Amino acid sequence: MPLYEIQHYITLTISQKDELAEAITKIHSTKFTTPRMFVNVHFTPTSTLRTYVGGKPRQGNHIRATVRNGPSRTSEDWNDLTSQLQTAWTSIVGPGLPKLRRSDTEEPDTSLRSVIICGEILGGMEAGFFLPSAGEDGGWIRRNWEAFRERADRGEEEFGDLVTEVRERGLLGEDGDGVGRERREEMELRREQARLEEMMGWGEHA
């Protein structure tokens, strides 16, 4: 659903791109209720482009995020998201170099110049499903749950990962798909087994 575009004039290694994509996916999916499968990250090299800041030629590294906006997402949420993205970039790529001079021979600046978040997604479709409004992921997942499971059962790996994630994170709600009920039944069974082992002198009670 969200689209993160990393515009970088410095050269990023494959491992740096992999780490950034994983970090951004984790940040967004845990900050909100968006399943990982629907977090998109693109890398756009800009070293050959002529870019300007304040009317002067200047290159930089930027993250532009196009997201779903809504009343459930506040300015504090966006500021926190921005801070987490900045921290991830600094950890993976580097904090940048001191601005002691500017010349054609200076080392490239690895710092992240800007993070821009745009709430422009009004609707659309991804992987065959219409996109939900911000804050409505839970109901959207429940409405499409059977379709998600069918595609997972057909062997589509990303939907298999999606089904596993939804169950592990409890994104269906307490009783969606019986997940909450199954979890309670499993815990009760374990308690019964523990009581039986204690009575019989088995396991850790032996």
N, C-alpha and C. Protein backbone atom coordinates (compact mmCIF):
# COMPACT_ATOMS: atom_id res chain seq x y z
N MET A 1 0.83 -1.20 0.00
CA MET A 1 0.00 0.00 0.00
C MET A 1 0.86 1.25 0.00
N PRO A 2 1.73 1.43 1.05
CA PRO A 2 2.61 2.58 0.96
C PRO A 2 3.71 2.32 -0.06
N LEU A 3 4.20 3.38 -0.65
CA LEU A 3 5.33 3.29 -1.58
C LEU A 3 6.44 4.20 -1.07
N TYR A 4 7.56 3.61 -0.74
CA TYR A 4 8.73 4.35 -0.30
C TYR A 4 9.73 4.40 -1.45
N GLU A 5 10.09 5.60 -1.86
CA GLU A 5 11.09 5.77 -2.91
C GLU A 5 12.35 6.37 -2.28
N ILE A 6 13.45 5.64 -2.40
CA ILE A 6 14.73 6.12 -1.90
C ILE A 6 15.48 6.72 -3.07
N GLN A 7 15.63 8.02 -3.07
CA GLN A 7 16.36 8.73 -4.12
C GLN A 7 17.79 8.95 -3.60
N HIS A 8 18.75 8.29 -4.22
CA HIS A 8 20.12 8.32 -3.70
C HIS A 8 21.11 8.69 -4.79
N TYR A 9 21.93 9.70 -4.50
CA TYR A 9 22.98 10.05 -5.45
C TYR A 9 24.27 9.29 -5.15
N ILE A 10 24.41 8.80 -3.93
CA ILE A 10 25.56 7.96 -3.60
C ILE A 10 25.27 6.54 -4.08
N THR A 11 26.31 5.74 -4.21
CA THR A 11 26.14 4.35 -4.60
C THR A 11 25.78 3.52 -3.36
N LEU A 12 24.68 2.81 -3.44
CA LEU A 12 24.28 1.90 -2.37
C LEU A 12 24.57 0.47 -2.81
N THR A 13 25.16 -0.30 -1.92
CA THR A 13 25.42 -1.70 -2.23
C THR A 13 24.12 -2.49 -2.17
N ILE A 14 24.14 -3.69 -2.73
CA ILE A 14 22.95 -4.55 -2.68
C ILE A 14 22.58 -4.84 -1.23
N SER A 15 23.58 -5.09 -0.39
CA SER A 15 23.28 -5.39 1.02
C SER A 15 22.67 -4.19 1.72
N GLN A 16 23.13 -2.98 1.39
CA GLN A 16 22.53 -1.78 1.98
C GLN A 16 21.08 -1.62 1.53
N LYS A 17 20.82 -1.88 0.25
CA LYS A 17 19.45 -1.80 -0.24
C LYS A 17 18.57 -2.83 0.46
N ASP A 18 19.10 -4.05 0.60
CA ASP A 18 18.33 -5.10 1.27
C ASP A 18 18.01 -4.70 2.71
N GLU A 19 19.01 -4.17 3.41
CA GLU A 19 18.82 -3.79 4.81
C GLU A 19 17.85 -2.62 4.93
N LEU A 20 17.97 -1.64 4.04
CA LEU A 20 17.05 -0.50 4.08
C LEU A 20 15.62 -0.94 3.80
N ALA A 21 15.45 -1.81 2.79
CA ALA A 21 14.10 -2.28 2.46
C ALA A 21 13.49 -3.04 3.63
N GLU A 22 14.29 -3.88 4.29
CA GLU A 22 13.80 -4.63 5.44
C GLU A 22 13.47 -3.69 6.59
N ALA A 23 14.34 -2.72 6.84
CA ALA A 23 14.11 -1.78 7.94
C ALA A 23 12.85 -0.96 7.71
N ILE A 24 12.68 -0.44 6.49
CA ILE A 24 11.50 0.38 6.18
C ILE A 24 10.23 -0.45 6.28
N THR A 25 10.29 -1.68 5.78
CA THR A 25 9.12 -2.57 5.86
C THR A 25 8.75 -2.84 7.31
N LYS A 26 9.74 -3.12 8.14
CA LYS A 26 9.48 -3.39 9.55
C LYS A 26 8.93 -2.15 10.25
N ILE A 27 9.53 -1.00 9.97
CA ILE A 27 9.09 0.24 10.62
C ILE A 27 7.63 0.53 10.30
N HIS A 28 7.28 0.48 9.01
CA HIS A 28 5.91 0.84 8.63
C HIS A 28 4.90 -0.20 9.12
N SER A 29 5.23 -1.48 8.97
CA SER A 29 4.26 -2.52 9.32
C SER A 29 4.02 -2.62 10.82
N THR A 30 5.02 -2.24 11.62
CA THR A 30 4.82 -2.27 13.07
C THR A 30 4.27 -0.94 13.60
N LYS A 31 4.57 0.15 12.91
CA LYS A 31 4.01 1.45 13.30
C LYS A 31 2.51 1.46 13.08
N PHE A 32 2.08 0.86 11.98
CA PHE A 32 0.66 0.78 11.64
C PHE A 32 0.27 -0.70 11.59
N THR A 33 -0.87 -1.03 11.00
CA THR A 33 -1.30 -2.43 10.93
C THR A 33 -1.19 -2.98 9.52
N THR A 34 -0.34 -2.37 8.72
CA THR A 34 -0.16 -2.80 7.34
C THR A 34 0.64 -4.10 7.28
N PRO A 35 0.13 -5.15 6.66
CA PRO A 35 0.94 -6.37 6.50
C PRO A 35 2.19 -6.08 5.67
N ARG A 36 3.26 -6.78 5.97
CA ARG A 36 4.54 -6.55 5.30
C ARG A 36 4.43 -6.68 3.78
N MET A 37 3.60 -7.60 3.33
CA MET A 37 3.49 -7.86 1.90
C MET A 37 3.11 -6.62 1.11
N PHE A 38 2.45 -5.67 1.74
CA PHE A 38 1.93 -4.51 1.04
C PHE A 38 2.78 -3.25 1.25
N VAL A 39 3.98 -3.40 1.79
CA VAL A 39 4.91 -2.28 1.92
C VAL A 39 5.89 -2.34 0.76
N ASN A 40 5.88 -1.32 -0.09
CA ASN A 40 6.71 -1.29 -1.30
C ASN A 40 7.87 -0.32 -1.13
N VAL A 41 9.06 -0.75 -1.55
CA VAL A 41 10.26 0.08 -1.46
C VAL A 41 10.97 0.07 -2.81
N HIS A 42 11.19 1.25 -3.37
CA HIS A 42 11.89 1.39 -4.65
C HIS A 42 13.14 2.24 -4.45
N PHE A 43 14.18 1.94 -5.22
CA PHE A 43 15.42 2.71 -5.17
C PHE A 43 15.63 3.41 -6.51
N THR A 44 15.86 4.72 -6.45
CA THR A 44 16.06 5.52 -7.66
C THR A 44 17.40 6.24 -7.58
N PRO A 45 18.40 5.82 -8.38
CA PRO A 45 19.68 6.53 -8.39
C PRO A 45 19.55 7.87 -9.09
N THR A 46 20.15 8.90 -8.51
CA THR A 46 20.00 10.25 -9.06
C THR A 46 21.34 10.91 -9.39
N SER A 47 22.41 10.14 -9.40
CA SER A 47 23.74 10.74 -9.60
C SER A 47 23.88 11.41 -10.96
N THR A 48 23.13 10.95 -11.95
CA THR A 48 23.24 11.55 -13.29
C THR A 48 22.25 12.68 -13.51
N LEU A 49 21.41 12.95 -12.52
CA LEU A 49 20.43 14.02 -12.64
C LEU A 49 21.03 15.33 -12.13
N ARG A 50 20.62 16.41 -12.72
CA ARG A 50 21.05 17.73 -12.22
C ARG A 50 19.96 18.23 -11.29
N THR A 51 20.27 18.27 -10.01
CA THR A 51 19.29 18.67 -9.01
C THR A 51 19.75 19.95 -8.32
N TYR A 52 18.78 20.70 -7.81
CA TYR A 52 19.06 22.01 -7.22
C TYR A 52 18.40 22.12 -5.85
N VAL A 53 19.07 22.84 -4.98
CA VAL A 53 18.53 23.22 -3.68
C VAL A 53 18.79 24.70 -3.49
N GLY A 54 17.75 25.46 -3.27
CA GLY A 54 17.91 26.90 -3.13
C GLY A 54 18.42 27.57 -4.38
N GLY A 55 18.11 26.97 -5.53
CA GLY A 55 18.54 27.53 -6.80
C GLY A 55 19.97 27.22 -7.19
N LYS A 56 20.66 26.42 -6.35
CA LYS A 56 22.05 26.08 -6.64
C LYS A 56 22.18 24.58 -6.85
N PRO A 57 23.08 24.16 -7.75
CA PRO A 57 23.27 22.72 -7.98
C PRO A 57 23.71 22.04 -6.69
N ARG A 58 22.97 21.02 -6.30
CA ARG A 58 23.33 20.28 -5.09
C ARG A 58 22.65 18.92 -5.13
N GLN A 59 23.41 17.92 -4.75
CA GLN A 59 22.86 16.57 -4.72
C GLN A 59 22.66 16.12 -3.29
N GLY A 60 21.72 15.20 -3.11
CA GLY A 60 21.43 14.70 -1.78
C GLY A 60 20.70 13.38 -1.84
N ASN A 61 20.51 12.80 -0.69
CA ASN A 61 19.77 11.54 -0.57
C ASN A 61 18.45 11.82 0.13
N HIS A 62 17.39 11.26 -0.39
CA HIS A 62 16.05 11.57 0.11
C HIS A 62 15.20 10.30 0.19
N ILE A 63 14.27 10.29 1.12
CA ILE A 63 13.24 9.25 1.18
C ILE A 63 11.89 9.94 1.00
N ARG A 64 11.15 9.50 0.00
CA ARG A 64 9.81 10.03 -0.24
C ARG A 64 8.82 8.89 -0.05
N ALA A 65 7.87 9.08 0.84
CA ALA A 65 6.88 8.05 1.13
C ALA A 65 5.50 8.53 0.71
N THR A 66 4.83 7.72 -0.08
CA THR A 66 3.44 7.99 -0.44
C THR A 66 2.59 7.00 0.35
N VAL A 67 1.73 7.52 1.22
CA VAL A 67 1.02 6.69 2.18
C VAL A 67 -0.48 7.00 2.17
N ARG A 68 -1.21 6.21 2.94
CA ARG A 68 -2.64 6.49 3.16
C ARG A 68 -2.76 7.38 4.40
N ASN A 69 -3.50 8.44 4.27
CA ASN A 69 -3.71 9.34 5.40
C ASN A 69 -5.14 9.19 5.90
N GLY A 70 -5.36 9.52 7.15
CA GLY A 70 -6.69 9.44 7.73
C GLY A 70 -6.68 9.94 9.16
N PRO A 71 -7.85 10.07 9.77
CA PRO A 71 -7.94 10.62 11.13
C PRO A 71 -7.24 9.78 12.18
N SER A 72 -7.02 8.49 11.90
CA SER A 72 -6.35 7.63 12.89
C SER A 72 -4.85 7.85 12.92
N ARG A 73 -4.33 8.61 11.96
CA ARG A 73 -2.89 8.84 11.88
C ARG A 73 -2.61 10.32 12.11
N THR A 74 -1.88 10.60 13.17
CA THR A 74 -1.66 11.98 13.61
C THR A 74 -0.30 12.50 13.15
N SER A 75 -0.11 13.80 13.34
CA SER A 75 1.19 14.39 13.02
C SER A 75 2.29 13.77 13.87
N GLU A 76 1.94 13.38 15.11
CA GLU A 76 2.93 12.71 15.96
C GLU A 76 3.34 11.38 15.36
N ASP A 77 2.37 10.67 14.76
CA ASP A 77 2.70 9.41 14.09
C ASP A 77 3.68 9.63 12.95
N TRP A 78 3.42 10.66 12.14
CA TRP A 78 4.30 10.92 10.99
C TRP A 78 5.67 11.38 11.45
N ASN A 79 5.74 12.17 12.52
CA ASN A 79 7.04 12.60 13.03
C ASN A 79 7.83 11.41 13.57
N ASP A 80 7.14 10.51 14.25
CA ASP A 80 7.80 9.32 14.77
C ASP A 80 8.29 8.43 13.63
N LEU A 81 7.45 8.28 12.60
CA LEU A 81 7.85 7.50 11.42
C LEU A 81 9.09 8.11 10.78
N THR A 82 9.10 9.43 10.64
CA THR A 82 10.24 10.13 10.06
C THR A 82 11.51 9.88 10.87
N SER A 83 11.40 9.97 12.17
CA SER A 83 12.57 9.76 13.04
C SER A 83 13.11 8.35 12.91
N GLN A 84 12.20 7.37 12.83
CA GLN A 84 12.64 5.99 12.68
C GLN A 84 13.33 5.76 11.34
N LEU A 85 12.82 6.38 10.28
CA LEU A 85 13.45 6.25 8.97
C LEU A 85 14.85 6.88 8.98
N GLN A 86 14.97 8.04 9.60
CA GLN A 86 16.26 8.72 9.71
C GLN A 86 17.26 7.85 10.45
N THR A 87 16.82 7.26 11.55
CA THR A 87 17.70 6.40 12.35
C THR A 87 18.14 5.18 11.56
N ALA A 88 17.21 4.58 10.83
CA ALA A 88 17.55 3.40 10.02
C ALA A 88 18.59 3.74 8.96
N TRP A 89 18.39 4.86 8.28
CA TRP A 89 19.35 5.27 7.25
C TRP A 89 20.74 5.48 7.86
N THR A 90 20.81 6.21 8.96
CA THR A 90 22.09 6.50 9.60
C THR A 90 22.79 5.22 10.03
N SER A 91 22.02 4.27 10.54
CA SER A 91 22.59 3.01 11.01
C SER A 91 23.13 2.17 9.86
N ILE A 92 22.43 2.18 8.73
CA ILE A 92 22.78 1.30 7.61
C ILE A 92 23.76 1.96 6.64
N VAL A 93 23.55 3.23 6.34
CA VAL A 93 24.35 3.92 5.32
C VAL A 93 25.44 4.79 5.94
N GLY A 94 25.09 5.55 6.97
CA GLY A 94 26.07 6.42 7.61
C GLY A 94 25.50 7.79 7.90
N PRO A 95 26.10 8.51 8.84
CA PRO A 95 25.58 9.82 9.25
C PRO A 95 25.99 10.96 8.33
N GLY A 96 26.93 10.72 7.42
CA GLY A 96 27.38 11.80 6.55
C GLY A 96 28.73 12.35 6.98
N LEU A 97 29.25 13.26 6.20
CA LEU A 97 30.57 13.84 6.44
C LEU A 97 30.45 15.29 6.88
N PRO A 98 31.41 15.78 7.66
CA PRO A 98 31.40 17.21 8.02
C PRO A 98 31.50 18.07 6.77
N LYS A 99 30.76 19.17 6.74
CA LYS A 99 30.77 20.05 5.57
C LYS A 99 31.93 21.05 5.69
N LEU A 100 33.15 20.56 5.47
CA LEU A 100 34.33 21.41 5.59
C LEU A 100 34.63 22.14 4.29
N ARG A 101 34.23 21.54 3.17
CA ARG A 101 34.50 22.16 1.89
C ARG A 101 33.52 21.58 0.88
N ARG A 102 33.39 22.20 -0.25
CA ARG A 102 32.56 21.66 -1.32
C ARG A 102 33.37 21.74 -2.60
N SER A 103 33.68 20.60 -3.18
CA SER A 103 34.42 20.56 -4.43
C SER A 103 34.05 19.30 -5.17
N ASP A 104 34.45 19.23 -6.42
CA ASP A 104 34.14 18.05 -7.23
C ASP A 104 34.88 16.81 -6.75
N THR A 105 35.91 16.98 -5.93
CA THR A 105 36.73 15.85 -5.51
C THR A 105 36.41 15.39 -4.09
N GLU A 106 35.50 16.03 -3.40
CA GLU A 106 35.20 15.66 -2.03
C GLU A 106 34.47 14.32 -1.97
N GLU A 107 34.55 13.68 -0.83
CA GLU A 107 33.87 12.41 -0.63
C GLU A 107 32.36 12.63 -0.70
N PRO A 108 31.62 11.66 -1.26
CA PRO A 108 30.16 11.82 -1.33
C PRO A 108 29.55 11.86 0.07
N ASP A 109 28.54 12.66 0.21
CA ASP A 109 27.86 12.84 1.49
C ASP A 109 26.83 11.73 1.67
N THR A 110 27.03 10.88 2.66
CA THR A 110 26.13 9.75 2.88
C THR A 110 24.91 10.11 3.72
N SER A 111 24.81 11.34 4.17
CA SER A 111 23.69 11.70 5.04
C SER A 111 22.37 11.71 4.27
N LEU A 112 21.29 11.58 5.00
CA LEU A 112 19.94 11.66 4.43
C LEU A 112 19.46 13.10 4.55
N ARG A 113 19.29 13.76 3.41
CA ARG A 113 18.94 15.18 3.44
C ARG A 113 17.49 15.40 3.85
N SER A 114 16.58 14.55 3.39
CA SER A 114 15.17 14.79 3.70
C SER A 114 14.36 13.51 3.73
N VAL A 115 13.30 13.56 4.51
CA VAL A 115 12.24 12.54 4.49
C VAL A 115 10.95 13.29 4.24
N ILE A 116 10.28 12.96 3.16
CA ILE A 116 9.03 13.62 2.79
C ILE A 116 7.92 12.57 2.78
N ILE A 117 6.87 12.80 3.56
CA ILE A 117 5.74 11.87 3.62
C ILE A 117 4.53 12.54 2.99
N CYS A 118 3.98 11.91 1.98
CA CYS A 118 2.84 12.46 1.24
C CYS A 118 1.64 11.54 1.41
N GLY A 119 0.53 12.06 1.92
CA GLY A 119 -0.68 11.27 2.09
C GLY A 119 -1.56 11.37 0.86
N GLU A 120 -1.13 10.77 -0.23
CA GLU A 120 -1.80 10.96 -1.51
C GLU A 120 -2.61 9.76 -1.99
N ILE A 121 -2.53 8.61 -1.31
CA ILE A 121 -3.20 7.41 -1.81
C ILE A 121 -4.70 7.51 -1.52
N LEU A 122 -5.49 7.70 -2.55
CA LEU A 122 -6.94 7.82 -2.41
C LEU A 122 -7.63 6.48 -2.63
N GLY A 123 -6.99 5.59 -3.34
CA GLY A 123 -7.56 4.28 -3.64
C GLY A 123 -6.62 3.55 -4.57
N GLY A 124 -7.03 2.35 -4.97
CA GLY A 124 -6.19 1.58 -5.88
C GLY A 124 -6.34 0.10 -5.63
N MET A 125 -5.48 -0.68 -6.26
CA MET A 125 -5.52 -2.13 -6.15
C MET A 125 -4.10 -2.65 -6.08
N GLU A 126 -3.89 -3.65 -5.26
CA GLU A 126 -2.58 -4.27 -5.15
C GLU A 126 -2.74 -5.77 -4.98
N ALA A 127 -2.03 -6.54 -5.80
CA ALA A 127 -2.09 -8.00 -5.77
C ALA A 127 -3.52 -8.51 -5.94
N GLY A 128 -4.35 -7.72 -6.65
CA GLY A 128 -5.72 -8.13 -6.93
C GLY A 128 -6.74 -7.70 -5.90
N PHE A 129 -6.35 -6.88 -4.92
CA PHE A 129 -7.27 -6.47 -3.85
C PHE A 129 -7.34 -4.95 -3.79
N PHE A 130 -8.56 -4.41 -3.67
CA PHE A 130 -8.73 -2.97 -3.51
C PHE A 130 -8.13 -2.54 -2.17
N LEU A 131 -7.51 -1.38 -2.16
CA LEU A 131 -6.83 -0.90 -0.96
C LEU A 131 -7.82 -0.35 0.05
N PRO A 132 -7.60 -0.62 1.34
CA PRO A 132 -8.47 -0.06 2.38
C PRO A 132 -8.04 1.35 2.73
N SER A 133 -8.93 2.07 3.38
CA SER A 133 -8.58 3.39 3.90
C SER A 133 -7.68 3.22 5.11
N ALA A 134 -6.95 4.27 5.45
CA ALA A 134 -6.08 4.23 6.63
C ALA A 134 -6.90 3.93 7.87
N GLY A 135 -6.39 3.03 8.70
CA GLY A 135 -7.08 2.67 9.94
C GLY A 135 -8.11 1.59 9.79
N GLU A 136 -8.33 1.08 8.57
CA GLU A 136 -9.35 0.06 8.34
C GLU A 136 -8.74 -1.26 7.90
N ASP A 137 -7.47 -1.47 8.21
CA ASP A 137 -6.79 -2.68 7.78
C ASP A 137 -7.40 -3.95 8.38
N GLY A 138 -7.81 -3.87 9.66
CA GLY A 138 -8.35 -5.05 10.32
C GLY A 138 -9.59 -5.59 9.62
N GLY A 139 -10.55 -4.71 9.35
CA GLY A 139 -11.76 -5.14 8.65
C GLY A 139 -11.46 -5.61 7.25
N TRP A 140 -10.53 -4.95 6.59
CA TRP A 140 -10.14 -5.33 5.22
C TRP A 140 -9.52 -6.73 5.21
N ILE A 141 -8.67 -7.02 6.19
CA ILE A 141 -8.05 -8.35 6.28
C ILE A 141 -9.12 -9.40 6.52
N ARG A 142 -10.08 -9.13 7.41
CA ARG A 142 -11.13 -10.11 7.68
C ARG A 142 -11.99 -10.36 6.45
N ARG A 143 -12.30 -9.30 5.70
CA ARG A 143 -13.14 -9.47 4.50
C ARG A 143 -12.44 -10.29 3.43
N ASN A 144 -11.13 -10.20 3.38
CA ASN A 144 -10.38 -10.88 2.32
C ASN A 144 -9.62 -12.11 2.82
N TRP A 145 -9.89 -12.50 4.06
CA TRP A 145 -9.10 -13.56 4.68
C TRP A 145 -9.19 -14.88 3.91
N GLU A 146 -10.39 -15.26 3.51
CA GLU A 146 -10.54 -16.53 2.79
C GLU A 146 -9.78 -16.49 1.47
N ALA A 147 -9.82 -15.36 0.78
CA ALA A 147 -9.08 -15.23 -0.48
C ALA A 147 -7.57 -15.30 -0.23
N PHE A 148 -7.12 -14.68 0.86
CA PHE A 148 -5.69 -14.76 1.20
C PHE A 148 -5.29 -16.22 1.43
N ARG A 149 -6.10 -16.94 2.19
CA ARG A 149 -5.76 -18.33 2.50
C ARG A 149 -5.81 -19.22 1.27
N GLU A 150 -6.78 -18.96 0.38
CA GLU A 150 -6.86 -19.76 -0.84
C GLU A 150 -5.60 -19.59 -1.68
N ARG A 151 -5.12 -18.37 -1.80
CA ARG A 151 -3.92 -18.14 -2.60
C ARG A 151 -2.69 -18.71 -1.90
N ALA A 152 -2.69 -18.69 -0.58
CA ALA A 152 -1.60 -19.34 0.15
C ALA A 152 -1.63 -20.84 -0.07
N ASP A 153 -2.83 -21.42 -0.04
CA ASP A 153 -2.97 -22.87 -0.25
C ASP A 153 -2.57 -23.29 -1.66
N ARG A 154 -2.68 -22.35 -2.61
CA ARG A 154 -2.29 -22.66 -3.99
C ARG A 154 -0.77 -22.58 -4.17
N GLY A 155 -0.08 -22.23 -3.12
CA GLY A 155 1.38 -22.21 -3.18
C GLY A 155 2.00 -20.86 -3.46
N GLU A 156 1.21 -19.76 -3.40
CA GLU A 156 1.78 -18.43 -3.61
C GLU A 156 2.53 -18.02 -2.34
N GLU A 157 3.84 -17.96 -2.46
CA GLU A 157 4.70 -17.77 -1.28
C GLU A 157 4.37 -16.51 -0.50
N GLU A 158 4.17 -15.38 -1.21
CA GLU A 158 3.95 -14.13 -0.48
C GLU A 158 2.64 -14.17 0.30
N PHE A 159 1.65 -14.90 -0.21
CA PHE A 159 0.40 -15.02 0.54
C PHE A 159 0.56 -16.00 1.70
N GLY A 160 1.43 -17.00 1.54
CA GLY A 160 1.73 -17.87 2.67
C GLY A 160 2.37 -17.09 3.79
N ASP A 161 3.31 -16.20 3.42
CA ASP A 161 3.93 -15.34 4.43
C ASP A 161 2.90 -14.40 5.06
N LEU A 162 1.98 -13.90 4.23
CA LEU A 162 0.95 -12.98 4.73
C LEU A 162 0.06 -13.67 5.76
N VAL A 163 -0.39 -14.88 5.44
CA VAL A 163 -1.26 -15.62 6.37
C VAL A 163 -0.53 -15.87 7.69
N THR A 164 0.73 -16.27 7.60
CA THR A 164 1.51 -16.52 8.82
C THR A 164 1.65 -15.24 9.65
N GLU A 165 1.95 -14.13 8.99
CA GLU A 165 2.12 -12.86 9.70
C GLU A 165 0.84 -12.42 10.37
N VAL A 166 -0.28 -12.51 9.65
CA VAL A 166 -1.57 -12.08 10.20
C VAL A 166 -1.88 -12.88 11.47
N ARG A 167 -1.62 -14.18 11.44
CA ARG A 167 -1.90 -15.01 12.61
C ARG A 167 -0.96 -14.68 13.76
N GLU A 168 0.32 -14.52 13.45
CA GLU A 168 1.29 -14.26 14.52
C GLU A 168 1.06 -12.91 15.18
N ARG A 169 0.64 -11.91 14.38
CA ARG A 169 0.43 -10.56 14.92
C ARG A 169 -0.98 -10.34 15.43
N GLY A 170 -1.86 -11.32 15.23
CA GLY A 170 -3.24 -11.17 15.69
C GLY A 170 -4.00 -10.10 14.96
N LEU A 171 -3.72 -9.92 13.66
CA LEU A 171 -4.35 -8.83 12.90
C LEU A 171 -5.80 -9.10 12.55
N LEU A 172 -6.26 -10.34 12.77
CA LEU A 172 -7.67 -10.65 12.50
C LEU A 172 -8.57 -10.24 13.65
N GLY A 173 -8.00 -9.92 14.78
CA GLY A 173 -8.82 -9.69 15.96
C GLY A 173 -8.82 -10.93 16.81
N GLU A 174 -9.40 -10.84 17.96
CA GLU A 174 -9.31 -11.91 18.96
C GLU A 174 -9.90 -13.22 18.47
N ASP A 175 -11.02 -13.16 17.74
CA ASP A 175 -11.68 -14.40 17.34
C ASP A 175 -11.73 -14.59 15.83
N GLY A 176 -11.05 -13.71 15.06
CA GLY A 176 -11.07 -13.85 13.62
C GLY A 176 -10.50 -15.18 13.19
N ASP A 177 -11.21 -15.91 12.31
CA ASP A 177 -10.78 -17.19 11.78
C ASP A 177 -10.58 -18.22 12.89
N GLY A 178 -11.13 -17.94 14.06
CA GLY A 178 -10.93 -18.86 15.17
C GLY A 178 -9.53 -18.81 15.74
N VAL A 179 -8.71 -17.84 15.29
CA VAL A 179 -7.33 -17.80 15.75
C VAL A 179 -7.26 -17.60 17.25
N GLY A 180 -8.05 -16.66 17.77
CA GLY A 180 -8.05 -16.43 19.21
C GLY A 180 -8.55 -17.65 19.96
N ARG A 181 -9.60 -18.28 19.43
CA ARG A 181 -10.14 -19.47 20.07
C ARG A 181 -9.12 -20.61 20.06
N GLU A 182 -8.46 -20.80 18.90
CA GLU A 182 -7.47 -21.86 18.80
C GLU A 182 -6.33 -21.64 19.79
N ARG A 183 -5.93 -20.38 19.95
CA ARG A 183 -4.84 -20.08 20.87
C ARG A 183 -5.25 -20.40 22.30
N ARG A 184 -6.48 -20.05 22.67
CA ARG A 184 -6.95 -20.35 24.02
C ARG A 184 -7.04 -21.85 24.25
N GLU A 185 -7.52 -22.58 23.23
CA GLU A 185 -7.64 -24.03 23.36
C GLU A 185 -6.27 -24.68 23.50
N GLU A 186 -5.29 -24.16 22.75
CA GLU A 186 -3.94 -24.71 22.85
C GLU A 186 -3.35 -24.46 24.23
N MET A 187 -3.58 -23.26 24.78
CA MET A 187 -3.06 -22.95 26.10
C MET A 187 -3.72 -23.82 27.16
N GLU A 188 -5.03 -24.04 27.00
CA GLU A 188 -5.74 -24.89 27.96
C GLU A 188 -5.22 -26.32 27.90
N LEU A 189 -4.94 -26.81 26.67
CA LEU A 189 -4.40 -28.16 26.52
C LEU A 189 -3.05 -28.28 27.19
N ARG A 190 -2.22 -27.26 27.05
CA ARG A 190 -0.91 -27.28 27.69
C ARG A 190 -1.03 -27.29 29.20
N ARG A 191 -2.00 -26.52 29.72
CA ARG A 191 -2.21 -26.52 31.17
C ARG A 191 -2.66 -27.89 31.66
N GLU A 192 -3.54 -28.55 30.89
CA GLU A 192 -4.00 -29.89 31.25
C GLU A 192 -2.84 -30.88 31.23
N GLN A 193 -1.97 -30.75 30.21
CA GLN A 193 -0.81 -31.64 30.14
C GLN A 193 0.12 -31.42 31.31
N ALA A 194 0.31 -30.15 31.69
CA ALA A 194 1.18 -29.84 32.82
C ALA A 194 0.62 -30.42 34.11
N ARG A 195 -0.72 -30.31 34.28
CA ARG A 195 -1.34 -30.87 35.49
C ARG A 195 -1.19 -32.39 35.51
N LEU A 196 -1.34 -33.02 34.34
CA LEU A 196 -1.21 -34.47 34.26
C LEU A 196 0.22 -34.91 34.58
N GLU A 197 1.20 -34.18 34.03
CA GLU A 197 2.59 -34.52 34.29
C GLU A 197 2.92 -34.36 35.77
N GLU A 198 2.34 -33.33 36.39
CA GLU A 198 2.59 -33.12 37.81
C GLU A 198 2.01 -34.26 38.63
N MET A 199 0.81 -34.71 38.25
CA MET A 199 0.17 -35.80 38.97
C MET A 199 0.95 -37.11 38.80
N MET A 200 1.49 -37.33 37.60
CA MET A 200 2.17 -38.59 37.29
C MET A 200 3.66 -38.54 37.59
N GLY A 201 4.15 -37.36 37.93
CA GLY A 201 5.58 -37.24 38.21
C GLY A 201 6.43 -37.25 36.96
N TRP A 202 5.86 -36.74 35.82
CA TRP A 202 6.59 -36.72 34.56
C TRP A 202 7.21 -35.34 34.33
N GLY A 203 7.95 -35.29 33.21
CA GLY A 203 8.46 -34.00 32.74
C GLY A 203 9.28 -33.29 33.80
N GLU A 204 9.11 -31.98 33.87
CA GLU A 204 9.91 -31.18 34.79
C GLU A 204 9.48 -31.38 36.23
N HIS A 205 8.33 -32.09 36.40
CA HIS A 205 7.85 -32.34 37.77
C HIS A 205 8.38 -33.65 38.32
N ALA A 206 9.17 -34.39 37.48
CA ALA A 206 9.66 -35.70 37.93
C ALA A 206 10.72 -35.53 39.02
